[in-house]
Amino acid sequence: MKFKVDISEILKATIDIEADNENEAIGMAKQMYNNSDIVLSADNFEDVKFTIMEENDDN
């Protein structure tokens, strides 16, 4: 039998942002991330998940 296995890694970083409210803070973090001011790497590893996506019969 053959299986398709999905492997997902979670990288996580916590940063301090000065903002007037939560929405502004999220927007600023997204902009920093999209501008590559924040770059996550293996040092930011948080978790890994393995999921069977599909089972194939080989007959």
C-alpha atoms as a PDB file:
ATOM      1  CA  MET A   1       0.000   0.000   0.000  1.00  0.00           C
ATOM      2  CA  LYS A   2       1.031   3.581  -0.623  1.00  0.00           C
ATOM      3  CA  PHE A   3       0.102   6.519   1.529  1.00  0.00           C
ATOM      4  CA  LYS A   4       0.265  10.259   1.005  1.00  0.00           C
ATOM      5  CA  VAL A   5       1.433  11.878   4.227  1.00  0.00           C
ATOM      6  CA  ASP A   6       1.135  15.613   4.813  1.00  0.00           C
ATOM      7  CA  ILE A   7       3.915  17.081   6.973  1.00  0.00           C
ATOM      8  CA  SER A   8       3.231  20.516   8.476  1.00  0.00           C
ATOM      9  CA  GLU A   9       5.671  22.537  10.537  1.00  0.00           C
ATOM     10  CA  ILE A  10       4.726  25.459  12.733  1.00  0.00           C
ATOM     11  CA  LEU A  11       7.234  28.265  13.190  1.00  0.00           C
ATOM     12  CA  LYS A  12       6.454  30.833  15.868  1.00  0.00           C
ATOM     13  CA  ALA A  13       7.836  34.181  16.984  1.00  0.00           C
ATOM     14  CA  THR A  14       6.548  36.699  19.509  1.00  0.00           C
ATOM     15  CA  ILE A  15       7.352  40.342  18.889  1.00  0.00           C
ATOM     16  CA  ASP A  16       6.579  43.583  20.747  1.00  0.00           C
ATOM     17  CA  ILE A  17       4.659  46.201  18.761  1.00  0.00           C
ATOM     18  CA  GLU A  18       3.519  49.649  19.887  1.00  0.00           C
ATOM     19  CA  ALA A  19       0.021  50.278  18.480  1.00  0.00           C
ATOM     20  CA  ASP A  20      -3.252  52.020  19.377  1.00  0.00           C
ATOM     21  CA  ASN A  21      -5.284  48.785  19.252  1.00  0.00           C
ATOM     22  CA  GLU A  22      -5.145  45.055  18.470  1.00  0.00           C
ATOM     23  CA  ASN A  23      -6.142  45.445  14.804  1.00  0.00           C
ATOM     24  CA  GLU A  24      -3.389  47.980  14.218  1.00  0.00           C
ATOM     25  CA  ALA A  25      -0.848  45.706  15.933  1.00  0.00           C
ATOM     26  CA  ILE A  26      -1.846  42.747  13.733  1.00  0.00           C
ATOM     27  CA  GLY A  27      -1.690  44.950  10.622  1.00  0.00           C
ATOM     28  CA  MET A  28       1.754  46.208  11.544  1.00  0.00           C
ATOM     29  CA  ALA A  29       3.002  42.660  12.217  1.00  0.00           C
ATOM     30  CA  LYS A  30       1.614  41.463   8.859  1.00  0.00           C
ATOM     31  CA  GLN A  31       3.277  44.357   7.059  1.00  0.00           C
ATOM     32  CA  MET A  32       6.607  43.665   8.775  1.00  0.00           C
ATOM     33  CA  TYR A  33       6.321  39.962   7.871  1.00  0.00           C
ATOM     34  CA  ASN A  34       5.350  40.677   4.244  1.00  0.00           C
ATOM     35  CA  ASN A  35       8.267  43.130   3.940  1.00  0.00           C
ATOM     36  CA  SER A  36      10.632  40.429   5.287  1.00  0.00           C
ATOM     37  CA  ASP A  37      11.404  42.528   8.344  1.00  0.00           C
ATOM     38  CA  ILE A  38      10.408  39.414  10.307  1.00  0.00           C
ATOM     39  CA  VAL A  39      11.837  36.159   8.949  1.00  0.00           C
ATOM     40  CA  LEU A  40      11.105  32.885  10.707  1.00  0.00           C
ATOM     41  CA  SER A  41      13.666  30.086  10.579  1.00  0.00           C
ATOM     42  CA  ALA A  42      14.415  26.720  12.157  1.00  0.00           C
ATOM     43  CA  ASP A  43      15.230  28.614  15.364  1.00  0.00           C
ATOM     44  CA  ASN A  44      11.500  29.456  15.565  1.00  0.00           C
ATOM     45  CA  PHE A  45      10.362  25.825  15.336  1.00  0.00           C
ATOM     46  CA  GLU A  46       7.291  25.163  17.506  1.00  0.00           C
ATOM     47  CA  ASP A  47       5.677  21.885  16.363  1.00  0.00           C
ATOM     48  CA  VAL A  48       5.299  19.348  13.557  1.00  0.00           C
ATOM     49  CA  LYS A  49       2.183  17.425  12.515  1.00  0.00           C
ATOM     50  CA  PHE A  50       1.897  14.300  10.333  1.00  0.00           C
ATOM     51  CA  THR A  51      -1.462  13.544   8.681  1.00  0.00           C
ATOM     52  CA  ILE A  52      -2.503  10.746   6.325  1.00  0.00           C
ATOM     53  CA  MET A  53      -4.035  12.484   3.327  1.00  0.00           C
ATOM     54  CA  GLU A  54      -4.829   9.533   1.085  1.00  0.00           C
ATOM     55  CA  GLU A  55      -4.520   5.766   1.008  1.00  0.00           C
ATOM     56  CA  ASN A  56      -3.887   4.113  -2.364  1.00  0.00           C
ATOM     57  CA  ASP A  57      -4.364   0.424  -3.112  1.00  0.00           C
ATOM     58  CA  ASP A  58      -1.700  -0.992  -5.432  1.00  0.00           C
ATOM     59  CA  ASN A  59      -3.502  -3.892  -7.158  1.00  0.00           C
END
